[in-house]
N, C-alpha and C. Protein backbone atom coordinates (compact mmCIF):
# COMPACT_ATOMS: atom_id res chain seq x y z
N LYS A 1 -107.66 -23.62 2.20
CA LYS A 1 -106.64 -23.66 3.27
C LYS A 1 -107.26 -22.85 4.35
N CYS A 2 -107.04 -22.81 5.75
CA CYS A 2 -107.60 -22.18 6.67
C CYS A 2 -107.13 -20.87 6.92
N ASN A 3 -107.57 -20.07 7.48
CA ASN A 3 -107.11 -18.47 7.59
C ASN A 3 -106.38 -18.70 8.65
N GLU A 4 -105.81 -17.18 9.03
CA GLU A 4 -104.44 -17.22 9.86
C GLU A 4 -105.09 -17.68 11.43
N THR A 5 -106.01 -17.08 11.99
CA THR A 5 -106.67 -17.62 13.19
C THR A 5 -107.02 -19.15 13.45
N ALA A 6 -107.22 -20.11 12.47
CA ALA A 6 -107.38 -21.10 12.62
C ALA A 6 -106.30 -22.31 12.03
N LYS A 7 -105.23 -21.86 11.76
CA LYS A 7 -104.12 -22.50 11.42
C LYS A 7 -103.33 -23.35 12.62
N SER A 8 -103.60 -23.00 14.00
CA SER A 8 -103.12 -23.83 14.93
C SER A 8 -104.35 -25.32 15.06
N TYR A 9 -105.01 -25.05 14.18
CA TYR A 9 -106.38 -26.44 14.39
C TYR A 9 -105.90 -27.32 14.46
N CYS A 10 -104.74 -27.84 13.49
CA CYS A 10 -104.37 -29.40 13.46
C CYS A 10 -102.90 -28.87 13.71
N VAL A 11 -102.43 -30.26 14.87
CA VAL A 11 -101.84 -30.55 15.34
C VAL A 11 -100.56 -31.48 14.83
N ASN A 12 -99.50 -31.59 15.32
CA ASN A 12 -98.43 -32.91 14.91
C ASN A 12 -98.32 -32.52 13.13
N GLY A 13 -98.11 -31.37 13.00
CA GLY A 13 -97.34 -30.87 11.01
C GLY A 13 -98.81 -31.34 10.19
N GLY A 14 -100.36 -31.44 11.32
CA GLY A 14 -100.97 -31.72 10.08
C GLY A 14 -101.22 -29.93 9.42
N VAL A 15 -102.04 -30.20 8.25
CA VAL A 15 -102.37 -29.13 7.29
C VAL A 15 -103.79 -28.89 7.38
N CYS A 16 -104.48 -27.39 7.90
CA CYS A 16 -105.75 -27.41 8.03
C CYS A 16 -106.27 -27.13 6.54
N TYR A 17 -107.54 -27.50 6.74
CA TYR A 17 -108.64 -27.17 5.37
C TYR A 17 -109.64 -26.66 6.10
N TYR A 18 -110.31 -25.90 5.16
CA TYR A 18 -111.58 -25.22 5.31
C TYR A 18 -112.69 -26.28 4.55
N ILE A 19 -113.86 -26.77 5.01
CA ILE A 19 -114.67 -27.16 4.03
C ILE A 19 -116.08 -26.56 3.64
N GLU A 20 -116.13 -25.49 2.73
CA GLU A 20 -117.17 -24.90 2.58
C GLU A 20 -118.37 -25.75 2.34
N GLY A 21 -119.37 -25.00 2.13
CA GLY A 21 -120.82 -26.02 2.62
C GLY A 21 -121.02 -26.86 3.49
N ILE A 22 -120.05 -27.38 4.17
CA ILE A 22 -120.46 -27.62 5.72
C ILE A 22 -119.87 -26.88 6.81
N ASN A 23 -119.19 -25.92 6.51
CA ASN A 23 -118.42 -25.25 6.99
C ASN A 23 -117.55 -25.49 8.48
N GLN A 24 -116.99 -26.45 7.75
CA GLN A 24 -116.22 -27.50 9.01
C GLN A 24 -114.57 -27.05 8.43
N LEU A 25 -113.76 -27.45 9.49
CA LEU A 25 -112.38 -27.33 9.53
C LEU A 25 -112.28 -28.56 9.38
N SER A 26 -110.90 -29.29 8.42
CA SER A 26 -110.64 -30.39 8.59
C SER A 26 -108.89 -30.83 8.72
N CYS A 27 -108.43 -31.61 8.66
CA CYS A 27 -107.04 -31.96 8.82
C CYS A 27 -106.32 -32.81 7.86
N LYS A 28 -105.56 -32.47 6.96
CA LYS A 28 -104.58 -33.58 6.32
C LYS A 28 -103.34 -33.83 7.01
N CYS A 29 -103.15 -35.07 7.86
CA CYS A 29 -102.30 -35.58 8.50
C CYS A 29 -100.91 -35.97 7.77
N PRO A 30 -99.97 -35.46 8.67
CA PRO A 30 -98.59 -36.50 7.82
C PRO A 30 -98.43 -37.77 8.37
N VAL A 31 -98.15 -38.56 7.59
CA VAL A 31 -97.69 -40.05 7.86
C VAL A 31 -97.38 -40.47 9.54
N GLY A 32 -97.97 -41.25 9.85
CA GLY A 32 -97.68 -41.80 11.16
C GLY A 32 -99.02 -40.82 12.19
N TYR A 33 -99.63 -40.36 11.88
CA TYR A 33 -100.55 -39.51 12.69
C TYR A 33 -102.28 -39.51 12.04
N THR A 34 -103.07 -39.57 13.00
CA THR A 34 -104.19 -39.85 12.60
C THR A 34 -105.51 -39.02 13.45
N GLY A 35 -106.76 -38.90 13.00
CA GLY A 35 -107.46 -37.98 14.02
C GLY A 35 -108.49 -36.89 13.35
N ASP A 36 -109.13 -36.43 14.03
CA ASP A 36 -109.96 -35.23 13.72
C ASP A 36 -108.76 -34.25 13.32
N ARG A 37 -107.97 -33.95 14.31
CA ARG A 37 -106.60 -32.77 14.42
C ARG A 37 -105.34 -33.45 14.47
N CYS A 38 -105.03 -34.68 13.73
CA CYS A 38 -103.89 -35.16 13.78
C CYS A 38 -103.24 -35.61 15.29
N GLN A 39 -103.84 -35.67 15.83
CA GLN A 39 -103.51 -35.62 17.64
C GLN A 39 -103.35 -37.15 18.11
N GLN A 40 -103.34 -38.01 17.32
CA GLN A 40 -103.33 -39.25 17.51
C GLN A 40 -102.11 -39.92 16.78
N PHE A 41 -101.18 -40.77 17.61
CA PHE A 41 -100.02 -41.38 16.88
C PHE A 41 -100.67 -42.70 16.26
N ALA A 42 -100.64 -43.32 15.21
CA ALA A 42 -101.13 -44.17 14.44
C ALA A 42 -99.97 -45.17 14.66
N MET A 43 -100.20 -46.27 16.07
CA MET A 43 -99.61 -46.97 16.32
C MET A 43 -99.79 -48.25 15.63
N VAL A 44 -101.11 -48.42 15.02
CA VAL A 44 -101.65 -49.62 14.64
C VAL A 44 -100.51 -50.03 13.06
N ASN A 45 -100.63 -48.56 12.39
CA ASN A 45 -99.78 -48.71 11.38
C ASN A 45 -98.04 -49.00 11.32
N PHE A 46 -97.73 -48.20 12.85
CA PHE A 46 -96.34 -48.73 13.04
C PHE A 46 -95.91 -49.94 13.58
N SER A 47 -97.05 -50.88 14.17
CA SER A 47 -96.49 -51.82 14.57
C SER A 47 -96.95 -53.25 13.36
N LYS A 48 -97.76 -52.48 12.34
CA LYS A 48 -97.67 -53.93 11.31
C LYS A 48 -96.30 -53.63 10.77
N HIS A 49 -95.80 -52.20 10.56
CA HIS A 49 -94.57 -51.96 9.95
C HIS A 49 -93.40 -52.95 10.38
N LEU A 50 -93.72 -53.04 11.83
CA LEU A 50 -92.56 -54.15 12.70
C LEU A 50 -92.99 -55.14 12.77
N GLY A 51 -94.03 -56.06 11.90
CA GLY A 51 -94.54 -57.43 11.82
C GLY A 51 -95.30 -57.96 12.63
N PHE A 52 -96.10 -57.13 13.84
CA PHE A 52 -96.93 -57.80 14.61
C PHE A 52 -97.62 -56.62 15.15
N GLU A 53 -99.01 -57.22 15.49
CA GLU A 53 -99.76 -56.23 15.86
C GLU A 53 -100.45 -56.28 17.21
N LEU A 54 -101.15 -55.09 17.61
CA LEU A 54 -101.40 -54.82 18.98
C LEU A 54 -102.71 -55.58 19.49
């Protein structure tokens, strides 16, 4: 997990992780979000659920 100062790195409910060895922050995104910081709404998954593609 990330330290207190880096907890706001992930957005939209993403959980921050620190990857030792490469000294990098990473996020585990909730369902429906993607991107390095969970900043993108996963519209592709949403549209497939509805039965059409963008």
